[in-house]
């Protein structure tokens, strides 16, 4: 179809236009439009649904509707919704705490051994010295009769050894004296419990 010329301003408009794009004047009505194939440009009859030149479906002039019958259009199925996969626990979620626990236990064991091998570097005190000087002198007098019973510090004198075993022995002596036991009784109790009495 030929383009239309506006009778007011002379502008050339599209063949299917109803108003002038330049001045807005109403254009004269024309006969029902032919179906122009937008693929190859061939002019088809009004009744045609497909282009007789290229076979493509025709589109109504001035609209975006396809000439393909609605009953024959394919229905597009929506894509299936993917279900989320179950979350798996990481493989190291169980082994990591076990490794940490093992490291802590190993470190504690090493500290224990080092405290026994180095009596002067004890981090924990196992005895509670009294503020009574007389009592403390009696404790160390009895301790001087013994050597340390731990067996790993070279049998140091009980009154000077700093290992945990020596501290427990001196605390044993201290508590026995505080409960009113005589020195001879305490010596017998220490020997019966820990042994390692120095020879006379």
N, C-alpha and C. Protein backbone atom coordinates (compact mmCIF):
# COMPACT_ATOMS: atom_id res chain seq x y z
N UNK A 1 0.84 -1.20 0.00
CA UNK A 1 0.00 0.00 0.00
C UNK A 1 0.87 1.24 0.00
N UNK A 2 0.35 2.28 -0.65
CA UNK A 2 1.10 3.54 -0.75
C UNK A 2 0.92 4.35 0.51
N UNK A 3 1.91 5.17 0.80
CA UNK A 3 1.82 6.06 1.94
C UNK A 3 0.81 7.17 1.67
N UNK A 4 0.27 7.74 2.77
CA UNK A 4 -0.74 8.80 2.65
C UNK A 4 -0.07 10.16 2.80
N UNK A 5 -0.59 11.11 2.04
CA UNK A 5 -0.10 12.49 2.14
C UNK A 5 -1.11 13.30 2.92
N UNK A 6 -0.63 14.03 3.94
CA UNK A 6 -1.53 14.88 4.75
C UNK A 6 -2.03 16.04 3.88
N UNK A 7 -3.36 16.23 3.89
CA UNK A 7 -3.93 17.31 3.09
C UNK A 7 -3.69 18.68 3.68
N UNK A 8 -3.28 18.75 4.94
CA UNK A 8 -3.09 20.06 5.58
C UNK A 8 -1.65 20.55 5.50
N UNK A 9 -0.68 19.64 5.86
CA UNK A 9 0.72 20.07 5.88
C UNK A 9 1.56 19.41 4.81
N UNK A 10 0.99 18.40 4.11
CA UNK A 10 1.70 17.76 3.03
C UNK A 10 2.71 16.71 3.46
N UNK A 11 2.70 16.34 4.75
CA UNK A 11 3.66 15.34 5.23
C UNK A 11 3.24 13.95 4.75
N UNK A 12 4.25 13.11 4.50
CA UNK A 12 4.00 11.75 4.02
C UNK A 12 3.89 10.84 5.24
N UNK A 13 2.70 10.21 5.39
CA UNK A 13 2.42 9.36 6.53
C UNK A 13 2.34 7.90 6.10
N UNK A 14 2.39 7.02 7.09
CA UNK A 14 2.26 5.60 6.83
C UNK A 14 0.90 5.31 6.25
N UNK A 15 0.79 4.27 5.47
CA UNK A 15 -0.45 3.94 4.78
C UNK A 15 -1.57 3.62 5.76
N UNK A 16 -1.23 3.12 6.94
CA UNK A 16 -2.25 2.72 7.90
C UNK A 16 -2.52 3.79 8.95
N UNK A 17 -1.83 4.94 8.89
CA UNK A 17 -2.00 5.98 9.89
C UNK A 17 -3.36 6.64 9.80
N UNK A 18 -3.92 7.02 10.95
CA UNK A 18 -5.21 7.73 11.00
C UNK A 18 -5.01 9.21 11.24
N UNK A 19 -3.88 9.61 11.82
CA UNK A 19 -3.60 11.01 12.07
C UNK A 19 -2.20 11.32 11.57
N UNK A 20 -2.00 12.56 11.14
CA UNK A 20 -0.71 13.00 10.62
C UNK A 20 0.30 13.07 11.75
N UNK A 21 1.48 12.49 11.54
CA UNK A 21 2.49 12.50 12.59
C UNK A 21 3.10 13.88 12.78
N UNK A 22 2.93 14.79 11.76
CA UNK A 22 3.55 16.10 11.81
C UNK A 22 2.65 17.15 12.45
N UNK A 23 1.38 17.21 11.96
CA UNK A 23 0.48 18.27 12.45
C UNK A 23 -0.69 17.74 13.26
N UNK A 24 -0.90 16.41 13.26
CA UNK A 24 -1.96 15.82 14.04
C UNK A 24 -3.32 15.85 13.38
N UNK A 25 -3.39 16.28 12.12
CA UNK A 25 -4.68 16.32 11.42
C UNK A 25 -5.15 14.91 11.12
N UNK A 26 -6.48 14.73 11.11
CA UNK A 26 -7.06 13.42 10.83
C UNK A 26 -6.93 13.12 9.36
N UNK A 27 -6.45 11.94 9.06
CA UNK A 27 -6.26 11.52 7.68
C UNK A 27 -7.53 10.81 7.18
N UNK A 28 -7.84 10.88 5.89
CA UNK A 28 -9.04 10.23 5.37
C UNK A 28 -8.95 8.71 5.53
N UNK A 29 -10.13 8.13 5.78
CA UNK A 29 -10.17 6.67 5.93
C UNK A 29 -9.94 6.01 4.59
N UNK A 30 -9.29 4.85 4.64
CA UNK A 30 -9.00 4.12 3.42
C UNK A 30 -9.67 2.77 3.51
N UNK A 31 -9.62 2.05 2.44
CA UNK A 31 -10.23 0.72 2.40
C UNK A 31 -9.52 -0.21 3.38
N UNK A 32 -10.16 -1.31 3.75
CA UNK A 32 -9.50 -2.26 4.65
C UNK A 32 -8.12 -2.61 4.13
N UNK A 33 -7.14 -2.55 4.99
CA UNK A 33 -5.76 -2.75 4.54
C UNK A 33 -5.49 -4.18 4.11
N UNK A 34 -4.55 -4.28 3.21
CA UNK A 34 -4.06 -5.60 2.86
C UNK A 34 -3.10 -6.07 3.96
N UNK A 35 -2.90 -7.34 4.00
CA UNK A 35 -1.98 -7.88 5.00
C UNK A 35 -0.58 -7.91 4.40
N UNK A 36 0.24 -7.04 4.91
CA UNK A 36 1.59 -6.90 4.41
C UNK A 36 2.50 -7.80 5.25
N UNK A 37 3.22 -8.68 4.56
CA UNK A 37 4.14 -9.59 5.27
C UNK A 37 5.34 -8.79 5.77
N UNK A 38 5.56 -8.85 7.05
CA UNK A 38 6.67 -8.08 7.61
C UNK A 38 8.00 -8.82 7.47
N UNK A 39 7.96 -10.01 6.93
CA UNK A 39 9.20 -10.76 6.71
C UNK A 39 9.78 -10.50 5.31
N UNK A 40 8.87 -10.59 4.31
CA UNK A 40 9.37 -10.41 2.93
C UNK A 40 8.76 -9.20 2.23
N UNK A 41 7.74 -8.55 2.84
CA UNK A 41 7.13 -7.35 2.26
C UNK A 41 6.05 -7.63 1.23
N UNK A 42 5.70 -8.89 1.06
CA UNK A 42 4.68 -9.22 0.04
C UNK A 42 3.30 -8.83 0.56
N UNK A 43 2.44 -8.31 -0.37
CA UNK A 43 1.07 -7.91 -0.02
C UNK A 43 0.15 -9.10 -0.22
N UNK A 44 -0.50 -9.50 0.88
CA UNK A 44 -1.42 -10.62 0.85
C UNK A 44 -2.85 -10.12 0.99
N UNK A 45 -3.79 -10.98 0.70
CA UNK A 45 -5.21 -10.61 0.84
C UNK A 45 -5.57 -10.53 2.31
N UNK A 46 -6.71 -9.89 2.57
CA UNK A 46 -7.14 -9.67 3.95
C UNK A 46 -7.41 -10.99 4.65
N UNK A 47 -7.90 -11.99 3.91
CA UNK A 47 -8.25 -13.27 4.52
C UNK A 47 -7.03 -14.14 4.81
N UNK A 48 -5.89 -13.83 4.23
CA UNK A 48 -4.71 -14.69 4.37
C UNK A 48 -4.20 -14.68 5.81
N UNK A 49 -3.80 -15.85 6.26
CA UNK A 49 -3.21 -15.98 7.60
C UNK A 49 -1.71 -16.23 7.51
N UNK A 50 -1.28 -16.74 6.39
CA UNK A 50 0.14 -16.98 6.15
C UNK A 50 0.52 -16.34 4.82
N UNK A 51 1.76 -15.86 4.73
CA UNK A 51 2.24 -15.21 3.52
C UNK A 51 2.35 -16.24 2.40
N UNK A 52 1.77 -15.91 1.24
CA UNK A 52 1.84 -16.85 0.12
C UNK A 52 3.20 -16.80 -0.56
N UNK A 53 4.05 -15.87 -0.14
CA UNK A 53 5.37 -15.75 -0.75
C UNK A 53 6.44 -16.49 0.06
N UNK A 54 6.43 -16.28 1.40
CA UNK A 54 7.47 -16.90 2.23
C UNK A 54 6.92 -17.91 3.22
N UNK A 55 5.59 -17.96 3.41
CA UNK A 55 4.98 -18.94 4.30
C UNK A 55 4.99 -18.56 5.77
N UNK A 56 5.49 -17.37 6.09
CA UNK A 56 5.54 -16.94 7.49
C UNK A 56 4.15 -16.50 7.93
N UNK A 57 3.83 -16.63 9.24
CA UNK A 57 2.53 -16.15 9.72
C UNK A 57 2.44 -14.64 9.58
N UNK A 58 1.25 -14.18 9.18
CA UNK A 58 1.04 -12.75 8.98
C UNK A 58 0.63 -12.09 10.28
N UNK A 59 0.98 -10.82 10.39
CA UNK A 59 0.61 -10.02 11.56
C UNK A 59 -0.37 -8.96 11.09
N UNK A 60 -1.45 -8.79 11.84
CA UNK A 60 -2.46 -7.79 11.47
C UNK A 60 -1.81 -6.42 11.41
N UNK A 61 -2.15 -5.69 10.40
CA UNK A 61 -1.60 -4.34 10.24
C UNK A 61 -2.00 -3.48 11.40
N UNK A 62 -1.06 -2.79 12.02
CA UNK A 62 -1.34 -1.87 13.11
C UNK A 62 -1.45 -2.56 14.46
N UNK A 63 -1.28 -3.89 14.53
CA UNK A 63 -1.36 -4.60 15.80
C UNK A 63 -0.15 -5.50 15.92
N UNK A 64 -0.04 -6.18 17.04
CA UNK A 64 1.06 -7.12 17.26
C UNK A 64 0.54 -8.54 17.37
N UNK A 65 -0.78 -8.77 16.97
CA UNK A 65 -1.35 -10.10 17.07
C UNK A 65 -0.92 -10.93 15.88
N UNK A 66 -0.58 -12.16 16.11
CA UNK A 66 -0.17 -13.06 15.05
C UNK A 66 -1.38 -13.67 14.40
N UNK A 67 -1.22 -14.01 13.11
CA UNK A 67 -2.33 -14.60 12.39
C UNK A 67 -2.48 -16.08 12.70
N UNK A 68 -1.62 -16.65 13.50
CA UNK A 68 -1.74 -18.05 13.85
C UNK A 68 -2.92 -18.22 14.77
N UNK A 69 -3.85 -19.12 14.47
CA UNK A 69 -5.03 -19.32 15.32
C UNK A 69 -4.61 -19.65 16.75
N UNK A 70 -5.36 -19.05 17.71
CA UNK A 70 -5.00 -19.24 19.11
C UNK A 70 -5.14 -20.67 19.55
N UNK A 71 -6.04 -21.42 18.92
CA UNK A 71 -6.24 -22.81 19.30
C UNK A 71 -5.07 -23.70 18.96
N UNK A 72 -4.24 -23.28 18.00
CA UNK A 72 -3.11 -24.09 17.57
C UNK A 72 -1.79 -23.66 18.20
N UNK A 73 -1.82 -22.66 19.08
CA UNK A 73 -0.59 -22.21 19.70
C UNK A 73 -0.12 -23.22 20.75
N UNK A 74 1.18 -23.42 20.80
CA UNK A 74 1.74 -24.37 21.74
C UNK A 74 1.77 -23.76 23.13
N UNK A 75 1.39 -24.56 24.10
CA UNK A 75 1.44 -24.12 25.49
C UNK A 75 2.83 -24.42 26.05
N UNK A 76 3.40 -23.41 26.59
CA UNK A 76 4.75 -23.56 27.14
C UNK A 76 4.63 -23.90 28.62
N UNK A 77 5.19 -25.02 28.98
CA UNK A 77 5.14 -25.44 30.37
C UNK A 77 6.21 -24.70 31.17
N UNK A 78 5.83 -24.23 32.36
CA UNK A 78 6.85 -23.57 33.19
C UNK A 78 7.91 -24.58 33.62
N UNK A 79 9.12 -24.14 33.78
CA UNK A 79 10.19 -25.06 34.19
C UNK A 79 9.91 -25.60 35.59
N UNK A 80 10.24 -26.86 35.83
CA UNK A 80 10.00 -27.44 37.17
C UNK A 80 10.85 -26.74 38.23
N UNK A 81 10.26 -26.62 39.41
CA UNK A 81 10.95 -25.98 40.52
C UNK A 81 11.92 -26.98 41.12
N UNK A 82 13.17 -26.62 41.14
CA UNK A 82 14.19 -27.53 41.67
C UNK A 82 14.13 -27.55 43.19
N UNK A 83 14.10 -28.77 43.75
CA UNK A 83 14.08 -28.91 45.19
C UNK A 83 15.49 -28.73 45.73
N UNK A 84 15.64 -27.99 46.84
CA UNK A 84 16.99 -27.80 47.40
C UNK A 84 17.54 -29.11 47.92
N UNK A 85 18.80 -29.35 47.64
CA UNK A 85 19.46 -30.56 48.11
C UNK A 85 19.69 -30.49 49.61
N UNK A 86 19.58 -31.63 50.30
CA UNK A 86 19.84 -31.60 51.75
C UNK A 86 21.29 -31.23 52.03
N UNK A 87 21.45 -30.37 53.04
CA UNK A 87 22.80 -29.93 53.39
C UNK A 87 23.54 -31.04 54.12
N UNK A 88 24.75 -31.27 53.68
CA UNK A 88 25.58 -32.29 54.31
C UNK A 88 26.55 -31.62 55.27
N UNK A 89 26.74 -32.29 56.38
CA UNK A 89 27.71 -31.77 57.34
C UNK A 89 29.11 -31.98 56.80
N UNK A 90 29.98 -31.01 56.98
CA UNK A 90 31.35 -31.18 56.51
C UNK A 90 32.00 -32.38 57.17
N UNK A 91 32.88 -33.00 56.42
CA UNK A 91 33.52 -34.22 56.92
C UNK A 91 34.35 -33.94 58.16
N UNK A 92 34.87 -32.71 58.30
CA UNK A 92 35.74 -32.41 59.43
C UNK A 92 34.97 -31.87 60.63
N UNK A 93 33.63 -31.85 60.59
CA UNK A 93 32.86 -31.29 61.71
C UNK A 93 32.98 -32.15 62.95
N UNK A 94 33.29 -33.45 62.79
CA UNK A 94 33.44 -34.35 63.94
C UNK A 94 34.91 -34.52 64.29
N UNK A 95 35.75 -34.64 63.29
CA UNK A 95 37.16 -34.90 63.55
C UNK A 95 37.88 -33.69 64.14
N UNK A 96 37.46 -32.48 63.80
CA UNK A 96 38.16 -31.29 64.31
C UNK A 96 38.09 -31.20 65.83
N UNK A 97 36.89 -31.34 66.48
CA UNK A 97 36.89 -31.30 67.95
C UNK A 97 37.73 -32.41 68.57
N UNK A 98 37.77 -33.58 67.94
CA UNK A 98 38.58 -34.67 68.49
C UNK A 98 40.07 -34.32 68.43
N UNK A 99 40.47 -33.69 67.33
CA UNK A 99 41.89 -33.29 67.20
C UNK A 99 42.25 -32.26 68.26
N UNK A 100 41.36 -31.27 68.45
CA UNK A 100 41.63 -30.22 69.45
C UNK A 100 41.72 -30.82 70.85
N UNK A 101 40.78 -31.75 71.17
CA UNK A 101 40.81 -32.39 72.48
C UNK A 101 42.10 -33.17 72.68
N UNK A 102 42.53 -33.88 71.62
CA UNK A 102 43.78 -34.63 71.72
C UNK A 102 44.98 -33.73 71.96
N UNK A 103 45.00 -32.57 71.29
CA UNK A 103 46.12 -31.63 71.48
C UNK A 103 46.15 -31.11 72.91
N UNK A 104 44.95 -30.79 73.45
CA UNK A 104 44.89 -30.26 74.82
C UNK A 104 45.37 -31.31 75.83
N UNK A 105 44.91 -32.56 75.65
CA UNK A 105 45.33 -33.61 76.58
C UNK A 105 46.83 -33.87 76.48
N UNK A 106 47.35 -33.85 75.25
CA UNK A 106 48.78 -34.06 75.07
C UNK A 106 49.58 -32.94 75.74
N UNK A 107 49.12 -31.69 75.59
CA UNK A 107 49.81 -30.57 76.23
C UNK A 107 49.79 -30.68 77.75
N UNK A 108 48.64 -31.12 78.31
CA UNK A 108 48.56 -31.28 79.76
C UNK A 108 49.52 -32.37 80.25
N UNK A 109 49.63 -33.45 79.45
CA UNK A 109 50.54 -34.53 79.82
C UNK A 109 52.00 -34.06 79.80
N UNK A 110 52.34 -33.27 78.77
CA UNK A 110 53.71 -32.74 78.68
C UNK A 110 54.02 -31.83 79.85
N UNK A 111 53.05 -30.98 80.25
CA UNK A 111 53.27 -30.09 81.39
C UNK A 111 53.46 -30.89 82.68
N UNK A 112 52.68 -31.97 82.80
CA UNK A 112 52.82 -32.80 84.00
C UNK A 112 54.21 -33.42 84.07
N UNK A 113 54.70 -33.94 82.93
CA UNK A 113 56.03 -34.53 82.93
C UNK A 113 57.11 -33.50 83.21
N UNK A 114 56.94 -32.31 82.61
CA UNK A 114 57.96 -31.28 82.81
C UNK A 114 57.99 -30.78 84.24
N UNK A 115 56.82 -30.77 84.91
CA UNK A 115 56.80 -30.32 86.30
C UNK A 115 57.51 -31.33 87.20
N UNK A 116 57.43 -32.62 86.83
CA UNK A 116 58.13 -33.64 87.63
C UNK A 116 59.63 -33.61 87.37
N UNK A 117 60.04 -33.32 86.14
CA UNK A 117 61.47 -33.31 85.80
C UNK A 117 62.16 -32.04 86.28
N UNK A 118 61.41 -30.95 86.40
CA UNK A 118 61.98 -29.67 86.83
C UNK A 118 61.26 -29.21 88.08
N UNK A 119 61.67 -29.66 89.23
CA UNK A 119 60.95 -29.34 90.46
C UNK A 119 60.84 -27.87 90.75
N UNK A 120 61.78 -27.07 90.30
CA UNK A 120 61.74 -25.65 90.60
C UNK A 120 60.75 -24.87 89.77
N UNK A 121 60.10 -25.53 88.79
CA UNK A 121 59.17 -24.83 87.90
C UNK A 121 57.76 -25.42 88.02
N UNK A 122 57.25 -25.44 89.22
CA UNK A 122 55.91 -25.98 89.46
C UNK A 122 54.92 -24.83 89.38
N UNK A 123 53.92 -24.97 88.52
CA UNK A 123 52.95 -23.89 88.34
C UNK A 123 51.81 -23.97 89.33
N UNK A 124 51.57 -25.18 89.91
CA UNK A 124 50.46 -25.35 90.84
C UNK A 124 51.00 -25.75 92.20
N UNK A 125 50.51 -25.12 93.24
CA UNK A 125 50.99 -25.43 94.59
C UNK A 125 50.03 -26.41 95.24
N UNK A 126 50.61 -27.48 95.81
CA UNK A 126 49.80 -28.51 96.46
C UNK A 126 49.84 -28.37 97.98
N UNK A 127 50.55 -27.40 98.50
CA UNK A 127 50.60 -27.22 99.96
C UNK A 127 50.18 -25.81 100.32
N UNK A 128 49.71 -25.68 101.53
CA UNK A 128 49.23 -24.39 102.04
C UNK A 128 49.99 -24.06 103.32
N UNK A 129 51.12 -23.38 103.16
CA UNK A 129 51.93 -23.07 104.36
C UNK A 129 51.14 -22.23 105.37
N UNK A 130 51.42 -22.48 106.62
CA UNK A 130 50.75 -21.76 107.71
C UNK A 130 51.54 -20.50 108.06
N UNK A 131 50.86 -19.56 108.65
CA UNK A 131 51.53 -18.35 109.13
C UNK A 131 52.22 -18.56 110.48
N UNK A 132 52.01 -19.74 111.05
CA UNK A 132 52.63 -20.09 112.34
C UNK A 132 54.06 -20.55 112.07
N UNK A 133 55.03 -19.74 112.47
CA UNK A 133 56.43 -20.06 112.21
C UNK A 133 56.88 -21.31 112.95
N UNK A 134 56.36 -21.49 114.17
CA UNK A 134 56.73 -22.68 114.96
C UNK A 134 56.26 -23.95 114.26
N UNK A 135 55.01 -23.90 113.75
CA UNK A 135 54.46 -25.06 113.04
C UNK A 135 55.27 -25.36 111.79
N UNK A 136 55.64 -24.34 111.06
CA UNK A 136 56.38 -24.54 109.83
C UNK A 136 57.77 -25.11 110.10
N UNK A 137 58.39 -24.67 111.20
CA UNK A 137 59.72 -25.23 111.53
C UNK A 137 59.61 -26.70 111.90
N UNK A 138 58.52 -27.10 112.55
CA UNK A 138 58.30 -28.52 112.90
C UNK A 138 58.06 -29.33 111.62
N UNK A 139 57.30 -28.74 110.66
CA UNK A 139 57.03 -29.43 109.38
C UNK A 139 58.34 -29.74 108.68
N UNK A 140 59.22 -28.75 108.57
CA UNK A 140 60.46 -28.95 107.83
C UNK A 140 61.47 -29.80 108.61
N UNK A 141 61.32 -29.80 109.94
CA UNK A 141 62.19 -30.66 110.74
C UNK A 141 61.84 -32.13 110.49
N UNK A 142 60.53 -32.43 110.42
CA UNK A 142 60.10 -33.81 110.12
C UNK A 142 60.43 -34.16 108.67
N UNK A 143 60.24 -33.21 107.74
CA UNK A 143 60.52 -33.46 106.33
C UNK A 143 61.98 -33.76 106.09
N UNK A 144 62.84 -33.20 106.93
CA UNK A 144 64.27 -33.44 106.75
C UNK A 144 64.66 -34.88 107.04
N UNK A 145 63.74 -35.66 107.62
CA UNK A 145 64.00 -37.06 107.90
C UNK A 145 63.72 -37.96 106.69
N UNK A 146 63.17 -37.34 105.62
CA UNK A 146 62.75 -38.14 104.47
C UNK A 146 63.37 -37.58 103.18
N UNK A 147 63.33 -38.42 102.14
CA UNK A 147 63.63 -37.96 100.77
C UNK A 147 62.32 -38.01 99.99
N UNK A 148 62.28 -37.27 98.89
CA UNK A 148 61.05 -37.19 98.07
C UNK A 148 60.69 -38.58 97.56
N UNK A 149 59.38 -38.89 97.60
CA UNK A 149 58.91 -40.23 97.23
C UNK A 149 58.47 -40.34 95.78
N UNK A 150 58.64 -39.27 94.97
CA UNK A 150 58.12 -39.34 93.60
C UNK A 150 58.95 -40.29 92.73
N UNK A 151 60.24 -40.43 93.03
CA UNK A 151 61.08 -41.35 92.27
C UNK A 151 61.62 -40.78 90.97
N UNK A 152 61.30 -39.52 90.63
CA UNK A 152 61.78 -38.95 89.36
C UNK A 152 62.63 -37.71 89.57
N UNK A 153 62.85 -37.29 90.78
CA UNK A 153 63.64 -36.07 91.00
C UNK A 153 64.98 -36.37 91.68
N UNK A 154 65.42 -37.61 91.60
CA UNK A 154 66.74 -37.94 92.11
C UNK A 154 66.82 -38.04 93.62
N UNK A 155 65.71 -38.36 94.28
CA UNK A 155 65.66 -38.53 95.73
C UNK A 155 66.21 -37.30 96.45
N UNK A 156 65.67 -36.16 96.10
CA UNK A 156 66.06 -34.92 96.78
C UNK A 156 65.50 -34.91 98.19
N UNK A 157 66.12 -34.15 99.08
CA UNK A 157 65.58 -34.05 100.44
C UNK A 157 64.15 -33.48 100.41
N UNK A 158 63.30 -34.05 101.24
CA UNK A 158 61.89 -33.67 101.21
C UNK A 158 61.69 -32.20 101.60
N UNK A 159 62.58 -31.67 102.46
CA UNK A 159 62.36 -30.28 102.91
C UNK A 159 62.70 -29.25 101.83
N UNK A 160 63.46 -29.66 100.77
CA UNK A 160 63.84 -28.69 99.74
C UNK A 160 63.27 -29.00 98.36
N UNK A 161 62.75 -30.21 98.16
CA UNK A 161 62.22 -30.58 96.83
C UNK A 161 60.94 -29.79 96.56
N UNK A 162 60.76 -29.37 95.28
CA UNK A 162 59.61 -28.54 94.92
C UNK A 162 58.59 -29.26 94.04
N UNK A 163 58.78 -30.56 93.83
CA UNK A 163 57.85 -31.27 92.95
C UNK A 163 56.50 -31.45 93.65
N UNK A 164 55.43 -31.75 92.91
CA UNK A 164 54.09 -31.89 93.51
C UNK A 164 54.02 -32.96 94.60
N UNK A 165 54.76 -34.07 94.41
CA UNK A 165 54.74 -35.13 95.42
C UNK A 165 55.32 -34.63 96.74
N UNK A 166 56.43 -33.90 96.66
CA UNK A 166 57.05 -33.36 97.88
C UNK A 166 56.11 -32.36 98.56
N UNK A 167 55.44 -31.55 97.79
CA UNK A 167 54.50 -30.60 98.38
C UNK A 167 53.35 -31.32 99.08
N UNK A 168 52.85 -32.40 98.47
CA UNK A 168 51.77 -33.16 99.11
C UNK A 168 52.25 -33.80 100.41
N UNK A 169 53.49 -34.30 100.42
CA UNK A 169 54.03 -34.91 101.64
C UNK A 169 54.14 -33.88 102.75
N UNK A 170 54.67 -32.71 102.44
CA UNK A 170 54.81 -31.67 103.47
C UNK A 170 53.44 -31.22 103.98
N UNK A 171 52.44 -31.13 103.06
CA UNK A 171 51.09 -30.76 103.49
C UNK A 171 50.50 -31.84 104.38
N UNK A 172 50.82 -33.10 104.07
CA UNK A 172 50.37 -34.22 104.92
C UNK A 172 50.92 -34.06 106.33
N UNK A 173 52.23 -33.72 106.41
CA UNK A 173 52.87 -33.51 107.72
C UNK A 173 52.21 -32.34 108.43
N UNK A 174 51.98 -31.25 107.73
CA UNK A 174 51.41 -30.04 108.32
C UNK A 174 50.02 -30.33 108.91
N UNK A 175 49.18 -31.01 108.16
CA UNK A 175 47.82 -31.29 108.62
C UNK A 175 47.82 -32.25 109.81
N UNK A 176 48.76 -33.21 109.80
CA UNK A 176 48.84 -34.13 110.94
C UNK A 176 49.23 -33.40 112.21
N UNK A 177 50.19 -32.48 112.09
CA UNK A 177 50.58 -31.69 113.26
C UNK A 177 49.45 -30.79 113.72
N UNK A 178 48.70 -30.21 112.78
CA UNK A 178 47.58 -29.34 113.14
C UNK A 178 46.47 -30.12 113.86
N UNK A 179 46.38 -31.42 113.61
CA UNK A 179 45.37 -32.25 114.29
C UNK A 179 45.88 -32.78 115.64
N UNK A 180 47.04 -32.33 116.05
CA UNK A 180 47.53 -32.67 117.39
C UNK A 180 48.38 -33.91 117.47
N UNK A 181 48.80 -34.46 116.35
CA UNK A 181 49.67 -35.64 116.39
C UNK A 181 51.08 -35.23 116.83
N UNK A 182 51.71 -36.11 117.54
CA UNK A 182 53.09 -35.85 117.97
C UNK A 182 54.02 -36.05 116.77
N UNK A 183 55.26 -35.57 116.94
CA UNK A 183 56.23 -35.67 115.84
C UNK A 183 56.55 -37.13 115.53
N UNK A 184 56.67 -37.95 116.56
CA UNK A 184 56.95 -39.38 116.33
C UNK A 184 55.79 -40.04 115.58
N UNK A 185 54.56 -39.66 115.96
CA UNK A 185 53.40 -40.23 115.27
C UNK A 185 53.37 -39.81 113.80
N UNK A 186 53.70 -38.56 113.55
CA UNK A 186 53.69 -38.05 112.18
C UNK A 186 54.76 -38.74 111.35
N UNK A 187 55.94 -38.94 111.94
CA UNK A 187 57.02 -39.63 111.21
C UNK A 187 56.57 -41.04 110.83
N UNK A 188 55.91 -41.72 111.75
CA UNK A 188 55.43 -43.08 111.47
C UNK A 188 54.37 -43.07 110.39
N UNK A 189 53.49 -42.06 110.42
CA UNK A 189 52.42 -41.98 109.43
C UNK A 189 52.99 -41.67 108.04
N UNK A 190 53.98 -40.78 107.98
CA UNK A 190 54.59 -40.44 106.69
C UNK A 190 55.31 -41.65 106.12
N UNK A 191 56.03 -42.36 106.97
CA UNK A 191 56.76 -43.54 106.51
C UNK A 191 55.80 -44.62 106.02
N UNK A 192 54.66 -44.80 106.74
CA UNK A 192 53.68 -45.81 106.35
C UNK A 192 53.00 -45.43 105.03
N UNK A 193 52.78 -44.13 104.80
CA UNK A 193 52.07 -43.68 103.61
C UNK A 193 52.99 -43.51 102.40
N UNK A 194 54.15 -42.90 102.61
CA UNK A 194 55.02 -42.56 101.47
C UNK A 194 56.35 -43.33 101.47
N UNK A 195 56.80 -43.75 102.65
CA UNK A 195 58.10 -44.42 102.73
C UNK A 195 59.24 -43.44 102.56
N UNK A 196 60.42 -43.96 102.14
CA UNK A 196 61.60 -43.16 101.82
C UNK A 196 62.13 -42.41 103.04
N UNK A 197 62.21 -43.09 104.16
CA UNK A 197 62.82 -42.52 105.37
C UNK A 197 64.33 -42.57 105.20
N UNK A 198 65.04 -41.47 105.56
CA UNK A 198 66.49 -41.45 105.45
C UNK A 198 67.10 -42.40 106.50
N UNK A 199 68.16 -43.06 106.10
CA UNK A 199 68.81 -43.92 107.11
C UNK A 199 69.45 -43.03 108.19
N UNK A 200 69.49 -43.58 109.40
CA UNK A 200 70.06 -42.84 110.53
C UNK A 200 71.56 -42.70 110.36
